[in-house]
Amino acid sequence: MARLFIDNLTVMDFSFLDSKRGVVGESWIVDIELAGELDDQGMVFDFGHVKKQIKQFIDAQADHRLLVPVSSPACRASVSDDRLSVEFQLSSGAMISHQSPRDAVLLVDTDAINIAQIANDLQVKLKSILPENVHEVLINLRAENINGAYYHYTHGLQKHLGQCQRIAHGHRSRIEIEINGKRSQQHEEQWAGRLADIYIATESHVIEEFELNGIKHSRIAYVAEQGDFSISLPSSQVLIIPYVSTVENIAVYLAESIAKENPGRIKVKAFEGIEKGAFGEA
């Protein structure tokens, strides 16, 4: 039996619900191994097909979706036609409510989202669609090794023509800050702490603020090409910016905010997941 591998096949950018942290943006690198008998080309599986077919499969399963641990006692989910509603009680007493088209959410049969569970679920599903000569599938999901400050954030881009229009998808992202041309580890760690597990909302999408169990909540909603989207979550976990929450605008907003507290020239390198992002200057 032969075995092939592809490292860094793709990156899954998504968000998930956690009873302590709330809605958490995440980015996982996907490595894959396939084992089996050689076909008439002398291959287990054509590398070109791996990069296209399997990448598309993984992207369709979890990328740019909200992952919900549907077996958690904190979770209530209901489907009506093609719409899915989720209510998720946090340990703080706050509530996350999410309504969207069904395809924007992945319901996972677990009480807490973890990397091993998602990898195993993907392996089982992927094995069922591969040729018979492929006997074994191994998917390794891993977080980027970051030597420095980073934060997890969730957002949605109403006017995006692809999956970014989904209101609750996210990223695990590095941040680099220069003040007068010099990197500032202190400011990077400070801002990564401020932005930990944050939802970054466009100001015009914040529909209302209300109290639930004595906790202030914010409701964000919009209509996009794929349908109606809405999410409510504790206001303490929401950063409202006056721009569309693209990484370009996030970088600019952070640079402008840092400039208000620090004299001089500010440059922010804000990542959107892994190996991509934008610069902001003020």
Protein backbone atom coordinates (compact mmCIF):
# COMPACT_ATOMS: atom_id res chain seq x y z
CA MET A 1 0.00 0.00 0.00
CA ALA A 2 1.33 3.41 -0.98
CA ARG A 3 0.82 6.70 0.83
CA LEU A 4 0.84 10.28 -0.46
CA PHE A 5 0.67 13.55 1.42
CA ILE A 6 0.00 17.23 0.82
CA ASP A 7 0.86 19.72 3.54
CA ASN A 8 -0.83 23.13 3.64
CA LEU A 9 -3.58 21.96 1.29
CA THR A 10 -5.87 24.78 2.40
CA VAL A 11 -6.86 26.93 5.38
CA MET A 12 -10.23 26.70 7.11
CA ASP A 13 -11.37 30.14 8.30
CA PHE A 14 -14.49 29.82 10.45
CA SER A 15 -16.07 30.62 13.80
CA PHE A 16 -17.40 28.35 16.52
CA LEU A 17 -19.51 28.65 19.66
CA ASP A 18 -17.93 28.12 23.07
CA SER A 19 -19.81 28.32 26.36
CA LYS A 20 -17.06 30.38 28.04
CA ARG A 21 -15.50 32.37 25.19
CA GLY A 22 -18.63 33.06 23.11
CA VAL A 23 -18.25 33.20 19.34
CA VAL A 24 -14.64 32.48 18.44
CA GLY A 25 -12.95 33.11 15.09
CA GLU A 26 -10.46 30.44 14.08
CA SER A 27 -8.05 29.47 11.28
CA TRP A 28 -6.76 25.92 10.87
CA ILE A 29 -4.22 24.71 8.34
CA VAL A 30 -5.20 21.46 6.60
CA ASP A 31 -2.67 18.68 5.88
CA ILE A 32 -3.81 15.45 4.26
CA GLU A 33 -2.57 11.89 3.70
CA LEU A 34 -4.13 9.26 1.45
CA ALA A 35 -3.15 5.59 1.53
CA GLY A 36 -4.20 2.86 -0.89
CA GLU A 37 -3.42 0.79 -3.94
CA LEU A 38 -1.90 2.33 -7.05
CA ASP A 39 -4.29 2.92 -9.95
CA ASP A 40 -3.49 2.35 -13.63
CA GLN A 41 -1.54 5.63 -13.63
CA GLY A 42 0.67 4.36 -10.82
CA MET A 43 -0.93 6.77 -8.36
CA VAL A 44 -3.00 6.53 -5.20
CA PHE A 45 -4.77 9.73 -6.27
CA ASP A 46 -3.77 12.39 -8.77
CA PHE A 47 -2.21 15.39 -7.00
CA GLY A 48 -4.15 17.70 -9.27
CA HIS A 49 -7.41 16.13 -8.11
CA VAL A 50 -6.32 16.28 -4.46
CA LYS A 51 -5.68 20.01 -4.71
CA LYS A 52 -8.95 20.67 -6.50
CA GLN A 53 -11.52 18.07 -5.47
CA ILE A 54 -10.50 17.54 -1.85
CA LYS A 55 -9.87 21.23 -1.23
CA GLN A 56 -13.34 22.03 -2.57
CA PHE A 57 -14.83 19.34 -0.34
CA ILE A 58 -13.16 20.67 2.82
CA ASP A 59 -14.01 24.27 1.97
CA ALA A 60 -17.66 23.31 1.48
CA GLN A 61 -17.81 21.44 4.79
CA ALA A 62 -16.45 23.97 7.26
CA ASP A 63 -14.79 27.00 5.67
CA HIS A 64 -16.51 30.35 6.36
CA ARG A 65 -19.22 28.69 8.45
CA LEU A 66 -20.33 28.87 12.07
CA LEU A 67 -19.59 25.56 13.82
CA VAL A 68 -22.15 24.74 16.51
CA PRO A 69 -21.74 21.96 19.13
CA VAL A 70 -25.32 20.79 18.86
CA SER A 71 -24.97 18.16 21.63
CA SER A 72 -24.12 20.81 24.22
CA PRO A 73 -26.83 21.33 26.84
CA ALA A 74 -26.34 25.07 26.22
CA CYS A 75 -27.47 24.74 22.60
CA ARG A 76 -30.91 24.84 21.00
CA ALA A 77 -31.18 24.61 17.23
CA SER A 78 -34.23 24.55 14.97
CA VAL A 79 -34.74 24.41 11.20
CA SER A 80 -37.60 25.96 9.27
CA ASP A 81 -37.51 25.50 5.51
CA ASP A 82 -33.93 26.52 4.60
CA ARG A 83 -33.36 28.67 7.68
CA LEU A 84 -31.57 27.63 10.82
CA SER A 85 -31.92 29.28 14.23
CA VAL A 86 -29.45 28.66 17.03
CA GLU A 87 -29.61 29.81 20.65
CA PHE A 88 -26.51 29.20 22.76
CA GLN A 89 -26.35 29.95 26.48
CA LEU A 90 -23.00 31.18 27.77
CA SER A 91 -21.68 30.36 31.24
CA SER A 92 -21.88 34.10 32.07
CA GLY A 93 -25.66 34.04 31.62
CA ALA A 94 -25.44 35.83 28.27
CA MET A 95 -27.00 34.37 25.13
CA ILE A 96 -25.82 34.09 21.55
CA SER A 97 -28.65 33.91 19.00
CA HIS A 98 -27.91 33.26 15.34
CA GLN A 99 -30.30 33.07 12.38
CA SER A 100 -29.17 32.41 8.82
CA PRO A 101 -29.59 30.22 5.75
CA ARG A 102 -28.86 26.58 6.62
CA ASP A 103 -25.61 26.43 4.64
CA ALA A 104 -23.97 29.10 6.80
CA VAL A 105 -23.86 26.74 9.80
CA LEU A 106 -22.29 23.34 10.48
CA LEU A 107 -24.00 21.42 13.27
CA VAL A 108 -21.44 19.15 14.92
CA ASP A 109 -22.51 16.18 17.06
CA THR A 110 -20.37 17.10 20.06
CA ASP A 111 -20.73 19.06 23.27
CA ALA A 112 -17.69 21.26 22.50
CA ILE A 113 -15.87 22.04 19.26
CA ASN A 114 -12.36 20.59 19.20
CA ILE A 115 -9.79 20.03 16.50
CA ALA A 116 -9.70 16.21 16.80
CA GLN A 117 -13.49 15.89 16.43
CA ILE A 118 -13.62 18.06 13.31
CA ALA A 119 -10.67 16.23 11.72
CA ASN A 120 -12.31 12.85 12.35
CA ASP A 121 -15.68 14.00 10.95
CA LEU A 122 -13.99 15.31 7.80
CA GLN A 123 -12.04 12.06 7.36
CA VAL A 124 -15.20 9.94 7.51
CA LYS A 125 -17.08 12.13 5.05
CA LEU A 126 -14.14 12.43 2.66
CA LYS A 127 -13.46 8.68 2.59
CA SER A 128 -17.02 8.06 1.35
CA ILE A 129 -16.49 10.09 -1.87
CA LEU A 130 -12.99 8.89 -2.87
CA PRO A 131 -12.21 6.03 -5.30
CA GLU A 132 -12.22 2.44 -3.96
CA ASN A 133 -8.44 2.11 -4.23
CA VAL A 134 -8.06 4.76 -1.49
CA HIS A 135 -8.26 2.76 1.75
CA GLU A 136 -7.27 5.32 4.34
CA VAL A 137 -7.67 9.08 4.78
CA LEU A 138 -5.83 11.09 7.40
CA ILE A 139 -6.60 14.78 7.90
CA ASN A 140 -4.40 16.82 10.21
CA LEU A 141 -5.77 20.19 11.31
CA ARG A 142 -3.39 22.58 13.04
CA ALA A 143 -3.18 26.18 14.11
CA GLU A 144 -0.47 28.45 12.72
CA ASN A 145 2.62 28.62 14.93
CA ILE A 146 2.68 32.31 15.84
CA ASN A 147 5.64 33.80 17.66
CA GLY A 148 4.01 36.99 18.84
CA ALA A 149 0.63 38.59 19.42
CA TYR A 150 -2.57 37.36 17.80
CA TYR A 151 -6.32 37.49 18.37
CA HIS A 152 -9.47 35.67 17.32
CA TYR A 153 -12.19 37.68 15.59
CA THR A 154 -15.52 37.10 13.86
CA HIS A 155 -17.27 39.26 11.28
CA GLY A 156 -19.52 39.23 8.21
CA LEU A 157 -19.33 41.16 4.94
CA GLN A 158 -22.81 41.91 3.64
CA LYS A 159 -21.82 42.85 0.08
CA HIS A 160 -19.24 40.13 -0.49
CA LEU A 161 -20.18 37.91 -3.43
CA GLY A 162 -18.71 34.79 -1.85
CA GLN A 163 -18.95 33.06 1.52
CA CYS A 164 -17.60 36.06 3.47
CA GLN A 165 -21.15 37.46 3.44
CA ARG A 166 -22.00 34.93 6.16
CA ILE A 167 -22.45 36.94 9.35
CA ALA A 168 -20.45 34.68 11.66
CA HIS A 169 -17.19 33.49 10.17
CA GLY A 170 -13.80 34.38 11.51
CA HIS A 171 -10.06 34.14 11.75
CA ARG A 172 -7.14 33.64 14.12
CA SER A 173 -4.87 36.52 13.17
CA ARG A 174 -1.49 37.99 13.94
CA ILE A 175 -1.10 41.71 14.53
CA GLU A 176 2.04 43.83 14.07
CA ILE A 177 2.24 47.46 15.18
CA GLU A 178 4.94 49.99 14.35
CA ILE A 179 5.23 53.35 16.10
CA ASN A 180 7.58 55.77 14.33
CA GLY A 181 9.07 52.89 12.33
CA LYS A 182 9.76 50.61 15.31
CA ARG A 183 7.85 47.43 16.19
CA SER A 184 6.13 47.66 19.57
CA GLN A 185 5.58 44.28 21.20
CA GLN A 186 3.89 46.03 24.11
CA HIS A 187 1.22 47.58 21.88
CA GLU A 188 0.77 44.35 19.92
CA GLU A 189 0.06 42.39 23.09
CA GLN A 190 -2.15 45.17 24.43
CA TRP A 191 -4.34 45.27 21.33
CA ALA A 192 -4.42 41.50 20.93
CA GLY A 193 -5.80 41.41 24.47
CA ARG A 194 -8.41 44.07 23.69
CA LEU A 195 -9.52 42.15 20.61
CA ALA A 196 -9.54 38.65 22.10
CA ASP A 197 -12.59 36.67 20.88
CA ILE A 198 -14.17 39.82 19.48
CA TYR A 199 -17.00 40.31 16.99
CA ILE A 200 -16.15 43.22 14.68
CA ALA A 201 -19.39 44.82 13.52
CA THR A 202 -20.08 47.46 10.90
CA GLU A 203 -21.87 50.34 12.62
CA SER A 204 -24.79 50.42 10.18
CA HIS A 205 -25.49 46.71 10.83
CA VAL A 206 -26.07 47.14 14.58
CA ILE A 207 -29.86 47.04 14.76
CA GLU A 208 -30.49 47.25 18.50
CA GLU A 209 -29.06 46.92 21.98
CA PHE A 210 -31.00 45.20 24.76
CA GLU A 211 -30.57 43.61 28.17
CA LEU A 212 -30.92 39.90 28.87
CA ASN A 213 -30.28 38.42 32.33
CA GLY A 214 -28.91 41.83 33.31
CA ILE A 215 -26.31 41.69 30.53
CA LYS A 216 -26.18 44.17 27.66
CA HIS A 217 -26.46 42.53 24.23
CA SER A 218 -26.10 43.81 20.66
CA ARG A 219 -28.01 42.56 17.64
CA ILE A 220 -26.34 42.73 14.24
CA ALA A 221 -28.35 41.97 11.10
CA TYR A 222 -28.38 42.45 7.33
CA VAL A 223 -29.73 41.01 4.10
CA ALA A 224 -27.09 39.63 1.72
CA GLU A 225 -27.16 37.77 -1.58
CA GLN A 226 -27.46 34.40 0.22
CA GLY A 227 -30.33 35.57 2.43
CA ASP A 228 -31.15 37.15 5.81
CA PHE A 229 -28.52 37.01 8.55
CA SER A 230 -28.73 37.97 12.23
CA ILE A 231 -26.63 37.47 15.34
CA SER A 232 -27.07 38.70 18.91
CA LEU A 233 -24.29 38.47 21.47
CA PRO A 234 -23.00 40.24 24.59
CA SER A 235 -22.04 43.83 23.80
CA SER A 236 -18.78 43.44 25.72
CA GLN A 237 -17.62 41.11 22.94
CA VAL A 238 -18.54 43.49 20.09
CA LEU A 239 -16.28 46.11 18.53
CA ILE A 240 -18.31 48.51 16.39
CA ILE A 241 -16.40 50.31 13.64
CA PRO A 242 -17.72 53.01 11.28
CA TYR A 243 -16.57 51.09 8.20
CA VAL A 244 -17.38 47.81 6.50
CA SER A 245 -15.44 45.25 8.53
CA THR A 246 -13.01 44.15 5.81
CA VAL A 247 -9.43 43.53 6.93
CA GLU A 248 -8.42 46.69 5.07
CA ASN A 249 -10.79 48.77 7.16
CA ILE A 250 -9.92 46.91 10.35
CA ALA A 251 -6.25 47.78 9.79
CA VAL A 252 -7.09 51.46 9.23
CA TYR A 253 -9.40 51.59 12.26
CA LEU A 254 -6.74 50.08 14.51
CA ALA A 255 -4.09 52.48 13.21
CA GLU A 256 -6.38 55.46 13.82
CA SER A 257 -7.29 54.23 17.31
CA ILE A 258 -3.65 53.66 18.27
CA ALA A 259 -2.72 57.10 16.92
CA LYS A 260 -5.18 58.73 19.33
CA GLU A 261 -3.21 57.29 22.25
CA ASN A 262 0.30 57.57 20.85
CA PRO A 263 1.99 60.50 19.09
CA GLY A 264 3.86 59.79 15.89
CA ARG A 265 3.43 57.67 12.78
CA ILE A 266 1.46 54.46 13.25
CA LYS A 267 1.54 51.44 10.95
CA VAL A 268 -0.57 48.34 11.57
CA LYS A 269 -0.16 45.03 9.77
CA ALA A 270 -3.44 43.23 10.38
CA PHE A 271 -3.74 39.64 9.24
CA GLU A 272 -6.92 37.94 8.09
CA GLY A 273 -6.17 34.39 9.08
CA ILE A 274 -2.91 33.06 7.65
CA GLU A 275 -0.47 34.78 5.27
CA LYS A 276 -2.87 37.46 4.09
CA GLY A 277 -4.14 40.78 5.38
CA ALA A 278 -3.76 44.52 5.03
CA PHE A 279 -1.77 47.54 6.21
CA GLY A 280 -3.27 50.54 7.94
CA GLU A 281 -1.47 53.82 8.62
CA ALA A 282 -2.24 56.94 10.63
